[in-house]
Amino acid sequence: MNKKVSLKDIAKRAQVSIATVSYVLTKGENSGIGYEVSEKVKKIAAELNYRPNQIAQSLRSGKSYIIGLIVADISNPFFANIARIIEDEAKKHNYTVVFGSSDENATKSSDLINLLVNRQVDGFIIAPTEGSQEQIINLKKQNIPFVLIDRHFPEIESNYVTINNYKAAFDVTNRLLDTGNSDIGLIAYSSDLHHMKERIRGYSEALEAKGIKVDNNRIKKVAFSNLIEDVYIKVRELLSAPKPVTAIFFTTNTLAIHGLKTIDKLNLKVPNDISVVVFDAAEAFDFYYCPITHIKQPLLKIGKQAIDILVNQINTPEKKYSKLNLKAILVEKDSCK
């Protein structure tokens, strides 16, 4: 049987101390060791097929160097992209990320959190689902570090990285109003989550600011569990009303993708027949015949800030909560007539 490669073997080949090898292999970019020496040590470790003893490392440091990431829907391009960014950023801190998708289901979210707590992750990054407040409170009671992303619960003190959903929704609705659309429908999820309520509030107050009374019949809500069928029904309702809307604001990219399919099925053209704006981008929009006006979220900044806050909280448990509300950008395209 081949002898297991040790730090001593690598140090001897690299002609450095065992401590230097340990710093390079355990602390990564934060080792404080010069670039040339670090690269030399890593290269030799790879050549010797060195495998660190994770259990021993965890016992020494008191950390597993694993982060649990729970998103609402990994099939959503927003969450898929942000998961990749978080994974890349975590690696810079020598952390591995374990993913889970709650599918906007509180029970599934609870099961994932319990599973990962039992696996002794050092902390969590969570896009919380509706009805998961007690889960977040329990993490606080257990002193397990976590950061909420995309949405948070205003009534619970916590770390979070979100965007100003109200301002972004207000701005994109204003864009529709500025292009002559006063009959604007809105498609949203049926949810009490704060970020969705803020998007609806931004839409409503943009109308009111222009002296337009908000018509609740033009605010259509769909169930996540019955997404495709509900979007089809609600879009048809908006477009077949006695006074059809001239524009639709989709509050997520997934809603927009299915909404645009419905518009196509009805043989309507964007923007000639109906104007469209969307909260968040999606790669699928690149293949649509009309470039879509949308809200662009700072995904790289959200992911980086979430990791930085979490790692700081892990290393300094008494650190105060970080609450970031980032600015999104309105990207104007051709979908508003």
C-alpha atoms as a PDB file:
ATOM      1  CA  MET A   1       0.000   0.000   0.000  1.00  0.00           C
ATOM      2  CA  ASN A   2       1.323   3.444  -0.885  1.00  0.00           C
ATOM      3  CA  LYS A   3       2.235   5.650   2.050  1.00  0.00           C
ATOM      4  CA  LYS A   4      -0.096   8.604   2.540  1.00  0.00           C
ATOM      5  CA  VAL A   5       1.565  11.880   1.576  1.00  0.00           C
ATOM      6  CA  SER A   6       2.160  14.203   4.533  1.00  0.00           C
ATOM      7  CA  LEU A   7       2.907  17.895   4.948  1.00  0.00           C
ATOM      8  CA  LYS A   8       6.456  16.867   5.810  1.00  0.00           C
ATOM      9  CA  ASP A   9       6.869  15.176   2.406  1.00  0.00           C
ATOM     10  CA  ILE A  10       5.758  18.325   0.594  1.00  0.00           C
ATOM     11  CA  ALA A  11       7.947  20.560   2.772  1.00  0.00           C
ATOM     12  CA  LYS A  12      11.000  18.397   2.071  1.00  0.00           C
ATOM     13  CA  ARG A  13      10.439  18.504  -1.705  1.00  0.00           C
ATOM     14  CA  ALA A  14       9.744  22.272  -1.669  1.00  0.00           C
ATOM     15  CA  GLN A  15      12.594  22.974   0.725  1.00  0.00           C
ATOM     16  CA  VAL A  16      10.402  24.989   3.058  1.00  0.00           C
ATOM     17  CA  SER A  17       9.116  24.495   6.596  1.00  0.00           C
ATOM     18  CA  ILE A  18       6.130  22.299   7.453  1.00  0.00           C
ATOM     19  CA  ALA A  19       4.442  25.425   8.861  1.00  0.00           C
ATOM     20  CA  THR A  20       4.776  27.169   5.476  1.00  0.00           C
ATOM     21  CA  VAL A  21       3.153  24.227   3.702  1.00  0.00           C
ATOM     22  CA  SER A  22       0.356  24.171   6.283  1.00  0.00           C
ATOM     23  CA  TYR A  23      -0.340  27.896   5.846  1.00  0.00           C
ATOM     24  CA  VAL A  24      -0.452  27.638   2.057  1.00  0.00           C
ATOM     25  CA  LEU A  25      -2.743  24.599   1.962  1.00  0.00           C
ATOM     26  CA  THR A  26      -5.138  25.618   4.730  1.00  0.00           C
ATOM     27  CA  LYS A  27      -5.410  29.384   4.365  1.00  0.00           C
ATOM     28  CA  GLY A  28      -5.272  29.766   0.574  1.00  0.00           C
ATOM     29  CA  GLU A  29      -4.937  33.387  -0.552  1.00  0.00           C
ATOM     30  CA  ASN A  30      -4.919  34.515   3.088  1.00  0.00           C
ATOM     31  CA  SER A  31      -1.818  32.492   3.984  1.00  0.00           C
ATOM     32  CA  GLY A  32       0.554  35.475   4.000  1.00  0.00           C
ATOM     33  CA  ILE A  33       3.104  33.397   2.047  1.00  0.00           C
ATOM     34  CA  GLY A  34       4.659  34.872  -1.105  1.00  0.00           C
ATOM     35  CA  TYR A  35       3.149  34.038  -4.498  1.00  0.00           C
ATOM     36  CA  GLU A  36       6.123  32.049  -5.875  1.00  0.00           C
ATOM     37  CA  VAL A  37       6.488  29.890  -2.772  1.00  0.00           C
ATOM     38  CA  SER A  38       2.715  29.353  -2.576  1.00  0.00           C
ATOM     39  CA  GLU A  39       2.521  28.225  -6.199  1.00  0.00           C
ATOM     40  CA  LYS A  40       5.507  25.927  -5.735  1.00  0.00           C
ATOM     41  CA  VAL A  41       3.930  24.272  -2.686  1.00  0.00           C
ATOM     42  CA  LYS A  42       0.565  23.848  -4.445  1.00  0.00           C
ATOM     43  CA  LYS A  43       2.228  22.352  -7.506  1.00  0.00           C
ATOM     44  CA  ILE A  44       4.191  19.816  -5.470  1.00  0.00           C
ATOM     45  CA  ALA A  45       1.086  18.936  -3.418  1.00  0.00           C
ATOM     46  CA  ALA A  46      -0.794  18.249  -6.663  1.00  0.00           C
ATOM     47  CA  GLU A  47       2.067  16.162  -8.093  1.00  0.00           C
ATOM     48  CA  LEU A  48       2.168  14.043  -4.933  1.00  0.00           C
ATOM     49  CA  ASN A  49      -1.652  13.704  -4.906  1.00  0.00           C
ATOM     50  CA  TYR A  50      -1.787  15.141  -1.401  1.00  0.00           C
ATOM     51  CA  ARG A  51      -5.158  14.792   0.313  1.00  0.00           C
ATOM     52  CA  PRO A  52      -5.731  16.800   3.493  1.00  0.00           C
ATOM     53  CA  ASN A  53      -7.282  15.066   6.480  1.00  0.00           C
ATOM     54  CA  GLN A  54     -10.548  16.996   6.712  1.00  0.00           C
ATOM     55  CA  ILE A  55     -11.512  15.535  10.083  1.00  0.00           C
ATOM     56  CA  ALA A  56      -8.173  16.486  11.617  1.00  0.00           C
ATOM     57  CA  GLN A  57      -8.414  19.969  10.125  1.00  0.00           C
ATOM     58  CA  SER A  58     -11.893  20.429  11.551  1.00  0.00           C
ATOM     59  CA  LEU A  59     -10.811  19.268  14.998  1.00  0.00           C
ATOM     60  CA  ARG A  60      -7.848  21.676  14.974  1.00  0.00           C
ATOM     61  CA  SER A  61      -9.751  24.700  13.725  1.00  0.00           C
ATOM     62  CA  GLY A  62     -13.205  24.008  15.136  1.00  0.00           C
ATOM     63  CA  LYS A  63     -14.549  24.603  11.630  1.00  0.00           C
ATOM     64  CA  SER A  64     -15.797  22.355   8.844  1.00  0.00           C
ATOM     65  CA  TYR A  65     -15.050  24.961   6.146  1.00  0.00           C
ATOM     66  CA  ILE A  66     -18.421  24.150   4.596  1.00  0.00           C
ATOM     67  CA  ILE A  67     -21.178  26.677   3.931  1.00  0.00           C
ATOM     68  CA  GLY A  68     -24.805  25.727   3.355  1.00  0.00           C
ATOM     69  CA  LEU A  69     -26.520  27.629   0.547  1.00  0.00           C
ATOM     70  CA  ILE A  70     -30.311  27.337   0.314  1.00  0.00           C
ATOM     71  CA  VAL A  71     -31.993  29.089  -2.588  1.00  0.00           C
ATOM     72  CA  ALA A  72     -35.656  29.279  -3.514  1.00  0.00           C
ATOM     73  CA  ASP A  73     -35.428  27.646  -6.939  1.00  0.00           C
ATOM     74  CA  ILE A  74     -32.121  26.521  -8.455  1.00  0.00           C
ATOM     75  CA  SER A  75     -33.772  26.281 -11.893  1.00  0.00           C
ATOM     76  CA  ASN A  76     -34.342  30.042 -11.818  1.00  0.00           C
ATOM     77  CA  PRO A  77     -31.457  31.730 -13.717  1.00  0.00           C
ATOM     78  CA  PHE A  78     -31.160  34.351 -10.966  1.00  0.00           C
ATOM     79  CA  PHE A  79     -30.471  31.761  -8.272  1.00  0.00           C
ATOM     80  CA  ALA A  80     -28.337  29.568 -10.536  1.00  0.00           C
ATOM     81  CA  ASN A  81     -26.073  32.512 -11.379  1.00  0.00           C
ATOM     82  CA  ILE A  82     -25.818  33.775  -7.831  1.00  0.00           C
ATOM     83  CA  ALA A  83     -25.045  30.246  -6.591  1.00  0.00           C
ATOM     84  CA  ARG A  84     -22.083  30.072  -8.971  1.00  0.00           C
ATOM     85  CA  ILE A  85     -20.815  33.457  -7.783  1.00  0.00           C
ATOM     86  CA  ILE A  86     -21.143  32.428  -4.119  1.00  0.00           C
ATOM     87  CA  GLU A  87     -19.292  29.180  -4.836  1.00  0.00           C
ATOM     88  CA  ASP A  88     -16.431  31.070  -6.509  1.00  0.00           C
ATOM     89  CA  GLU A  89     -16.235  33.674  -3.740  1.00  0.00           C
ATOM     90  CA  ALA A  90     -16.350  31.013  -1.010  1.00  0.00           C
ATOM     91  CA  LYS A  91     -13.411  29.207  -2.598  1.00  0.00           C
ATOM     92  CA  LYS A  92     -11.289  32.326  -2.123  1.00  0.00           C
ATOM     93  CA  HIS A  93     -11.824  31.876   1.617  1.00  0.00           C
ATOM     94  CA  ASN A  94     -11.102  28.140   1.412  1.00  0.00           C
ATOM     95  CA  TYR A  95     -14.774  27.230   1.875  1.00  0.00           C
ATOM     96  CA  THR A  96     -16.820  24.605   0.067  1.00  0.00           C
ATOM     97  CA  VAL A  97     -20.498  25.287  -0.648  1.00  0.00           C
ATOM     98  CA  VAL A  98     -23.250  22.681  -0.326  1.00  0.00           C
ATOM     99  CA  PHE A  99     -26.382  23.610  -2.278  1.00  0.00           C
ATOM    100  CA  GLY A 100     -30.053  23.007  -1.638  1.00  0.00           C
ATOM    101  CA  SER A 101     -33.284  24.283  -3.213  1.00  0.00           C
ATOM    102  CA  SER A 102     -36.365  24.897  -1.079  1.00  0.00           C
ATOM    103  CA  ASP A 103     -38.704  25.236  -4.092  1.00  0.00           C
ATOM    104  CA  GLU A 104     -40.468  27.989  -2.093  1.00  0.00           C
ATOM    105  CA  ASN A 105     -41.602  25.322   0.360  1.00  0.00           C
ATOM    106  CA  ALA A 106     -41.127  26.006   4.079  1.00  0.00           C
ATOM    107  CA  THR A 107     -41.097  22.316   5.036  1.00  0.00           C
ATOM    108  CA  LYS A 108     -38.397  21.511   2.507  1.00  0.00           C
ATOM    109  CA  SER A 109     -36.424  24.533   3.694  1.00  0.00           C
ATOM    110  CA  SER A 110     -36.619  23.283   7.288  1.00  0.00           C
ATOM    111  CA  ASP A 111     -35.472  19.792   6.265  1.00  0.00           C
ATOM    112  CA  LEU A 112     -32.488  21.236   4.381  1.00  0.00           C
ATOM    113  CA  ILE A 113     -31.459  23.467   7.279  1.00  0.00           C
ATOM    114  CA  ASN A 114     -31.658  20.577   9.773  1.00  0.00           C
ATOM    115  CA  LEU A 115     -29.687  18.296   7.459  1.00  0.00           C
ATOM    116  CA  LEU A 116     -26.923  20.861   7.007  1.00  0.00           C
ATOM    117  CA  VAL A 117     -26.819  21.772  10.697  1.00  0.00           C
ATOM    118  CA  ASN A 118     -26.279  18.070  11.455  1.00  0.00           C
ATOM    119  CA  ARG A 119     -23.489  18.064   8.883  1.00  0.00           C
ATOM    120  CA  GLN A 120     -21.928  20.854  10.966  1.00  0.00           C
ATOM    121  CA  VAL A 121     -21.711  23.545   8.316  1.00  0.00           C
ATOM    122  CA  ASP A 122     -20.036  26.699   9.615  1.00  0.00           C
ATOM    123  CA  GLY A 123     -22.840  28.942   8.409  1.00  0.00           C
ATOM    124  CA  PHE A 124     -25.635  29.533   5.939  1.00  0.00           C
ATOM    125  CA  ILE A 125     -26.548  31.782   3.060  1.00  0.00           C
ATOM    126  CA  ILE A 126     -30.314  31.561   2.600  1.00  0.00           C
ATOM    127  CA  ALA A 127     -32.957  32.978   0.284  1.00  0.00           C
ATOM    128  CA  PRO A 128     -35.768  32.362   2.786  1.00  0.00           C
ATOM    129  CA  THR A 129     -39.136  31.057   1.690  1.00  0.00           C
ATOM    130  CA  GLU A 130     -42.513  32.230   2.920  1.00  0.00           C
ATOM    131  CA  GLY A 131     -43.331  30.906   6.378  1.00  0.00           C
ATOM    132  CA  SER A 132     -39.707  30.184   7.347  1.00  0.00           C
ATOM    133  CA  GLN A 133     -39.390  32.872  10.027  1.00  0.00           C
ATOM    134  CA  GLU A 134     -39.200  30.315  12.848  1.00  0.00           C
ATOM    135  CA  GLN A 135     -36.335  28.552  11.055  1.00  0.00           C
ATOM    136  CA  ILE A 136     -34.367  31.800  10.947  1.00  0.00           C
ATOM    137  CA  ILE A 137     -35.102  32.517  14.609  1.00  0.00           C
ATOM    138  CA  ASN A 138     -33.887  29.003  15.533  1.00  0.00           C
ATOM    139  CA  LEU A 139     -30.582  29.601  13.722  1.00  0.00           C
ATOM    140  CA  LYS A 140     -30.152  32.736  15.823  1.00  0.00           C
ATOM    141  CA  LYS A 141     -30.936  30.811  19.021  1.00  0.00           C
ATOM    142  CA  GLN A 142     -28.280  28.232  18.085  1.00  0.00           C
ATOM    143  CA  ASN A 143     -25.761  31.000  17.324  1.00  0.00           C
ATOM    144  CA  ILE A 144     -25.263  29.638  13.813  1.00  0.00           C
ATOM    145  CA  PRO A 145     -24.014  32.411  11.491  1.00  0.00           C
ATOM    146  CA  PHE A 146     -26.172  33.147   8.455  1.00  0.00           C
ATOM    147  CA  VAL A 147     -26.843  35.768   5.790  1.00  0.00           C
ATOM    148  CA  LEU A 148     -30.175  36.196   4.029  1.00  0.00           C
ATOM    149  CA  ILE A 149     -30.092  37.094   0.338  1.00  0.00           C
ATOM    150  CA  ASP A 150     -32.698  38.367  -2.137  1.00  0.00           C
ATOM    151  CA  ARG A 151     -35.326  38.632   0.591  1.00  0.00           C
ATOM    152  CA  HIS A 152     -35.400  39.078   4.367  1.00  0.00           C
ATOM    153  CA  PHE A 153     -37.851  39.445   7.242  1.00  0.00           C
ATOM    154  CA  PRO A 154     -37.915  43.074   8.480  1.00  0.00           C
ATOM    155  CA  GLU A 155     -39.182  41.953  11.883  1.00  0.00           C
ATOM    156  CA  ILE A 156     -36.134  39.690  12.450  1.00  0.00           C
ATOM    157  CA  GLU A 157     -32.730  41.245  13.176  1.00  0.00           C
ATOM    158  CA  SER A 158     -30.237  39.527  10.891  1.00  0.00           C
ATOM    159  CA  ASN A 159     -27.519  39.853   8.288  1.00  0.00           C
ATOM    160  CA  TYR A 160     -28.939  40.369   4.817  1.00  0.00           C
ATOM    161  CA  VAL A 161     -27.957  41.448   1.317  1.00  0.00           C
ATOM    162  CA  THR A 162     -30.865  42.536  -0.839  1.00  0.00           C
ATOM    163  CA  ILE A 163     -31.678  45.265  -3.327  1.00  0.00           C
ATOM    164  CA  ASN A 164     -34.029  48.216  -3.062  1.00  0.00           C
ATOM    165  CA  ASN A 165     -37.002  46.394  -4.558  1.00  0.00           C
ATOM    166  CA  TYR A 166     -39.368  49.320  -4.058  1.00  0.00           C
ATOM    167  CA  LYS A 167     -37.161  51.804  -5.936  1.00  0.00           C
ATOM    168  CA  ALA A 168     -36.430  49.364  -8.776  1.00  0.00           C
ATOM    169  CA  ALA A 169     -40.138  48.590  -9.278  1.00  0.00           C
ATOM    170  CA  PHE A 170     -41.016  52.296  -9.080  1.00  0.00           C
ATOM    171  CA  ASP A 171     -38.407  53.124 -11.751  1.00  0.00           C
ATOM    172  CA  VAL A 172     -39.411  50.394 -14.205  1.00  0.00           C
ATOM    173  CA  THR A 173     -43.100  51.286 -13.869  1.00  0.00           C
ATOM    174  CA  ASN A 174     -42.187  54.915 -14.502  1.00  0.00           C
ATOM    175  CA  ARG A 175     -40.444  53.813 -17.668  1.00  0.00           C
ATOM    176  CA  LEU A 176     -43.730  52.346 -18.919  1.00  0.00           C
ATOM    177  CA  LEU A 177     -45.618  55.505 -17.949  1.00  0.00           C
ATOM    178  CA  ASP A 178     -43.074  57.706 -19.732  1.00  0.00           C
ATOM    179  CA  THR A 179     -43.626  55.758 -22.956  1.00  0.00           C
ATOM    180  CA  GLY A 180     -47.351  56.493 -22.871  1.00  0.00           C
ATOM    181  CA  ASN A 181     -48.655  53.377 -21.113  1.00  0.00           C
ATOM    182  CA  SER A 182     -51.150  54.187 -18.376  1.00  0.00           C
ATOM    183  CA  ASP A 183     -53.013  50.852 -18.448  1.00  0.00           C
ATOM    184  CA  ILE A 184     -50.369  48.655 -16.846  1.00  0.00           C
ATOM    185  CA  GLY A 185     -50.936  45.148 -15.537  1.00  0.00           C
ATOM    186  CA  LEU A 186     -48.671  43.414 -13.043  1.00  0.00           C
ATOM    187  CA  ILE A 187     -47.925  39.700 -12.618  1.00  0.00           C
ATOM    188  CA  ALA A 188     -46.517  38.668  -9.231  1.00  0.00           C
ATOM    189  CA  TYR A 189     -46.268  35.611  -7.020  1.00  0.00           C
ATOM    190  CA  SER A 190     -48.974  35.105  -4.424  1.00  0.00           C
ATOM    191  CA  SER A 191     -46.668  35.684  -1.487  1.00  0.00           C
ATOM    192  CA  ASP A 192     -46.324  37.629   1.747  1.00  0.00           C
ATOM    193  CA  LEU A 193     -42.549  37.838   1.378  1.00  0.00           C
ATOM    194  CA  HIS A 194     -41.248  41.361   1.871  1.00  0.00           C
ATOM    195  CA  HIS A 195     -39.425  41.708  -1.457  1.00  0.00           C
ATOM    196  CA  MET A 196     -42.526  40.782  -3.494  1.00  0.00           C
ATOM    197  CA  LYS A 197     -44.703  43.183  -1.506  1.00  0.00           C
ATOM    198  CA  GLU A 198     -42.129  45.928  -2.084  1.00  0.00           C
ATOM    199  CA  ARG A 199     -42.201  45.361  -5.855  1.00  0.00           C
ATOM    200  CA  ILE A 200     -45.980  45.663  -5.855  1.00  0.00           C
ATOM    201  CA  ARG A 201     -45.748  48.798  -3.687  1.00  0.00           C
ATOM    202  CA  GLY A 202     -43.235  50.366  -6.078  1.00  0.00           C
ATOM    203  CA  TYR A 203     -45.564  49.683  -9.013  1.00  0.00           C
ATOM    204  CA  SER A 204     -48.608  51.048  -7.178  1.00  0.00           C
ATOM    205  CA  GLU A 205     -46.944  54.224  -5.936  1.00  0.00           C
ATOM    206  CA  ALA A 206     -45.463  54.981  -9.365  1.00  0.00           C
ATOM    207  CA  LEU A 207     -49.028  54.976 -10.744  1.00  0.00           C
ATOM    208  CA  GLU A 208     -50.340  57.094  -7.880  1.00  0.00           C
ATOM    209  CA  ALA A 209     -47.513  59.609  -8.348  1.00  0.00           C
ATOM    210  CA  LYS A 210     -48.851  60.223 -11.863  1.00  0.00           C
ATOM    211  CA  GLY A 211     -52.432  60.571 -10.620  1.00  0.00           C
ATOM    212  CA  ILE A 212     -53.496  57.103 -11.809  1.00  0.00           C
ATOM    213  CA  LYS A 213     -55.743  55.130  -9.474  1.00  0.00           C
ATOM    214  CA  VAL A 214     -54.471  51.632  -8.744  1.00  0.00           C
ATOM    215  CA  ASP A 215     -56.847  48.987 -10.085  1.00  0.00           C
ATOM    216  CA  ASN A 216     -56.451  45.800  -8.044  1.00  0.00           C
ATOM    217  CA  ASN A 217     -57.977  43.840 -10.925  1.00  0.00           C
ATOM    218  CA  ARG A 218     -54.771  44.572 -12.827  1.00  0.00           C
ATOM    219  CA  ILE A 219     -52.546  43.102 -10.122  1.00  0.00           C
ATOM    220  CA  LYS A 220     -52.532  39.367 -10.838  1.00  0.00           C
ATOM    221  CA  LYS A 221     -50.960  36.881  -8.452  1.00  0.00           C
ATOM    222  CA  VAL A 222     -49.914  33.333  -9.325  1.00  0.00           C
ATOM    223  CA  ALA A 223     -49.043  30.304  -7.221  1.00  0.00           C
ATOM    224  CA  PHE A 224     -45.465  29.027  -7.424  1.00  0.00           C
ATOM    225  CA  SER A 225     -46.829  25.473  -7.310  1.00  0.00           C
ATOM    226  CA  ASN A 226     -49.010  26.069 -10.388  1.00  0.00           C
ATOM    227  CA  LEU A 227     -46.795  28.555 -12.167  1.00  0.00           C
ATOM    228  CA  ILE A 228     -47.203  27.805 -15.881  1.00  0.00           C
ATOM    229  CA  GLU A 229     -50.983  27.424 -15.894  1.00  0.00           C
ATOM    230  CA  ASP A 230     -51.557  30.402 -13.590  1.00  0.00           C
ATOM    231  CA  VAL A 231     -49.377  32.745 -15.658  1.00  0.00           C
ATOM    232  CA  TYR A 232     -51.257  31.725 -18.811  1.00  0.00           C
ATOM    233  CA  ILE A 233     -54.618  32.406 -17.151  1.00  0.00           C
ATOM    234  CA  LYS A 234     -53.607  35.742 -15.596  1.00  0.00           C
ATOM    235  CA  VAL A 235     -51.986  37.130 -18.749  1.00  0.00           C
ATOM    236  CA  ARG A 236     -55.090  36.216 -20.748  1.00  0.00           C
ATOM    237  CA  GLU A 237     -57.271  37.956 -18.148  1.00  0.00           C
ATOM    238  CA  LEU A 238     -55.244  41.151 -18.461  1.00  0.00           C
ATOM    239  CA  LEU A 239     -55.364  41.104 -22.248  1.00  0.00           C
ATOM    240  CA  SER A 240     -59.010  40.084 -22.633  1.00  0.00           C
ATOM    241  CA  ALA A 241     -60.507  42.518 -20.106  1.00  0.00           C
ATOM    242  CA  PRO A 242     -63.139  45.014 -21.358  1.00  0.00           C
ATOM    243  CA  LYS A 243     -60.307  47.545 -21.331  1.00  0.00           C
ATOM    244  CA  PRO A 244     -57.162  45.498 -21.991  1.00  0.00           C
ATOM    245  CA  VAL A 245     -53.850  46.594 -20.549  1.00  0.00           C
ATOM    246  CA  THR A 246     -51.287  48.084 -22.922  1.00  0.00           C
ATOM    247  CA  ALA A 247     -48.327  46.927 -20.838  1.00  0.00           C
ATOM    248  CA  ILE A 248     -47.383  44.184 -18.375  1.00  0.00           C
ATOM    249  CA  PHE A 249     -44.799  44.329 -15.593  1.00  0.00           C
ATOM    250  CA  PHE A 250     -43.534  40.839 -14.661  1.00  0.00           C
ATOM    251  CA  THR A 251     -42.035  40.867 -11.175  1.00  0.00           C
ATOM    252  CA  THR A 252     -39.576  37.989 -11.811  1.00  0.00           C
ATOM    253  CA  ASN A 253     -37.768  36.632 -14.850  1.00  0.00           C
ATOM    254  CA  THR A 254     -39.440  33.204 -14.530  1.00  0.00           C
ATOM    255  CA  LEU A 255     -42.877  34.811 -14.614  1.00  0.00           C
ATOM    256  CA  ALA A 256     -41.766  36.781 -17.670  1.00  0.00           C
ATOM    257  CA  ILE A 257     -40.524  33.746 -19.577  1.00  0.00           C
ATOM    258  CA  HIS A 258     -43.897  32.009 -19.267  1.00  0.00           C
ATOM    259  CA  GLY A 259     -45.730  35.283 -19.805  1.00  0.00           C
ATOM    260  CA  LEU A 260     -43.929  35.955 -23.079  1.00  0.00           C
ATOM    261  CA  LYS A 261     -44.837  32.449 -24.237  1.00  0.00           C
ATOM    262  CA  THR A 262     -48.483  33.254 -23.538  1.00  0.00           C
ATOM    263  CA  ILE A 263     -48.256  36.537 -25.439  1.00  0.00           C
ATOM    264  CA  ASP A 264     -46.816  34.647 -28.409  1.00  0.00           C
ATOM    265  CA  LYS A 265     -49.618  32.064 -28.235  1.00  0.00           C
ATOM    266  CA  LEU A 266     -52.129  34.902 -28.424  1.00  0.00           C
ATOM    267  CA  ASN A 267     -50.408  36.089 -31.628  1.00  0.00           C
ATOM    268  CA  LEU A 268     -49.505  39.419 -30.064  1.00  0.00           C
ATOM    269  CA  LYS A 269     -46.233  41.205 -30.715  1.00  0.00           C
ATOM    270  CA  VAL A 270     -43.940  42.995 -28.280  1.00  0.00           C
ATOM    271  CA  PRO A 271     -43.909  46.009 -28.272  1.00  0.00           C
ATOM    272  CA  ASN A 272     -46.396  46.772 -31.084  1.00  0.00           C
ATOM    273  CA  ASP A 273     -49.362  45.110 -29.363  1.00  0.00           C
ATOM    274  CA  ILE A 274     -48.186  44.976 -25.758  1.00  0.00           C
ATOM    275  CA  SER A 275     -45.285  46.593 -23.879  1.00  0.00           C
ATOM    276  CA  VAL A 276     -43.333  44.453 -21.422  1.00  0.00           C
ATOM    277  CA  VAL A 277     -40.902  45.124 -18.570  1.00  0.00           C
ATOM    278  CA  VAL A 278     -39.322  42.561 -16.267  1.00  0.00           C
ATOM    279  CA  PHE A 279     -37.762  42.510 -12.822  1.00  0.00           C
ATOM    280  CA  ASP A 280     -34.379  40.839 -13.402  1.00  0.00           C
ATOM    281  CA  ALA A 281     -32.683  39.536 -16.523  1.00  0.00           C
ATOM    282  CA  ALA A 282     -32.538  36.039 -18.001  1.00  0.00           C
ATOM    283  CA  GLU A 283     -30.338  34.505 -20.670  1.00  0.00           C
ATOM    284  CA  ALA A 284     -33.530  33.301 -22.394  1.00  0.00           C
ATOM    285  CA  PHE A 285     -34.301  36.930 -23.212  1.00  0.00           C
ATOM    286  CA  ASP A 286     -31.242  36.975 -25.500  1.00  0.00           C
ATOM    287  CA  PHE A 287     -33.104  34.606 -27.840  1.00  0.00           C
ATOM    288  CA  TYR A 288     -36.350  36.579 -27.842  1.00  0.00           C
ATOM    289  CA  TYR A 289     -36.998  38.624 -30.976  1.00  0.00           C
ATOM    290  CA  CYS A 290     -37.488  41.843 -28.973  1.00  0.00           C
ATOM    291  CA  PRO A 291     -34.850  42.969 -26.432  1.00  0.00           C
ATOM    292  CA  ILE A 292     -36.601  43.254 -23.056  1.00  0.00           C
ATOM    293  CA  THR A 293     -36.455  46.278 -20.744  1.00  0.00           C
ATOM    294  CA  HIS A 294     -35.534  44.927 -17.326  1.00  0.00           C
ATOM    295  CA  ILE A 295     -34.138  45.530 -13.873  1.00  0.00           C
ATOM    296  CA  LYS A 296     -30.555  44.303 -13.561  1.00  0.00           C
ATOM    297  CA  GLN A 297     -29.494  43.131 -10.126  1.00  0.00           C
ATOM    298  CA  PRO A 298     -25.819  43.386  -9.057  1.00  0.00           C
ATOM    299  CA  LEU A 299     -25.330  39.619  -8.737  1.00  0.00           C
ATOM    300  CA  LEU A 300     -21.547  39.729  -8.322  1.00  0.00           C
ATOM    301  CA  LYS A 301     -21.816  42.283  -5.537  1.00  0.00           C
ATOM    302  CA  ILE A 302     -24.638  40.371  -3.809  1.00  0.00           C
ATOM    303  CA  GLY A 303     -22.646  37.116  -3.849  1.00  0.00           C
ATOM    304  CA  LYS A 304     -19.367  38.695  -2.756  1.00  0.00           C
ATOM    305  CA  GLN A 305     -20.937  40.714   0.042  1.00  0.00           C
ATOM    306  CA  ALA A 306     -22.889  37.692   1.309  1.00  0.00           C
ATOM    307  CA  ILE A 307     -19.706  35.594   1.565  1.00  0.00           C
ATOM    308  CA  ASP A 308     -17.676  38.411   3.132  1.00  0.00           C
ATOM    309  CA  ILE A 309     -20.351  39.070   5.755  1.00  0.00           C
ATOM    310  CA  LEU A 310     -20.753  35.361   6.549  1.00  0.00           C
ATOM    311  CA  VAL A 311     -17.031  34.652   6.875  1.00  0.00           C
ATOM    312  CA  ASN A 312     -16.620  37.717   9.114  1.00  0.00           C
ATOM    313  CA  GLN A 313     -19.517  36.509  11.256  1.00  0.00           C
ATOM    314  CA  ILE A 314     -18.012  33.015  11.508  1.00  0.00           C
ATOM    315  CA  ASN A 315     -14.650  34.448  12.562  1.00  0.00           C
ATOM    316  CA  THR A 316     -16.121  37.170  14.797  1.00  0.00           C
ATOM    317  CA  PRO A 317     -19.411  35.878  16.254  1.00  0.00           C
ATOM    318  CA  GLU A 318     -19.984  39.035  18.312  1.00  0.00           C
ATOM    319  CA  LYS A 319     -19.873  41.219  15.197  1.00  0.00           C
ATOM    320  CA  LYS A 320     -22.943  43.423  14.616  1.00  0.00           C
ATOM    321  CA  TYR A 321     -25.408  42.528  11.874  1.00  0.00           C
ATOM    322  CA  SER A 322     -24.678  43.816   8.378  1.00  0.00           C
ATOM    323  CA  LYS A 323     -27.760  45.011   6.490  1.00  0.00           C
ATOM    324  CA  LEU A 324     -27.122  45.863   2.851  1.00  0.00           C
ATOM    325  CA  ASN A 325     -29.756  47.228   0.488  1.00  0.00           C
ATOM    326  CA  LEU A 326     -28.036  47.511  -2.896  1.00  0.00           C
ATOM    327  CA  LYS A 327     -29.086  49.533  -5.913  1.00  0.00           C
ATOM    328  CA  ALA A 328     -30.372  47.821  -9.055  1.00  0.00           C
ATOM    329  CA  ILE A 329     -30.103  49.273 -12.566  1.00  0.00           C
ATOM    330  CA  LEU A 330     -32.869  49.897 -15.099  1.00  0.00           C
ATOM    331  CA  VAL A 331     -31.731  48.544 -18.480  1.00  0.00           C
ATOM    332  CA  GLU A 332     -33.766  50.142 -21.244  1.00  0.00           C
ATOM    333  CA  LYS A 333     -34.372  48.025 -24.333  1.00  0.00           C
ATOM    334  CA  ASP A 334     -37.025  47.875 -27.070  1.00  0.00           C
ATOM    335  CA  SER A 335     -39.976  46.228 -25.326  1.00  0.00           C
ATOM    336  CA  CYS A 336     -41.700  49.487 -24.325  1.00  0.00           C
ATOM    337  CA  LYS A 337     -43.510  51.198 -27.179  1.00  0.00           C
END
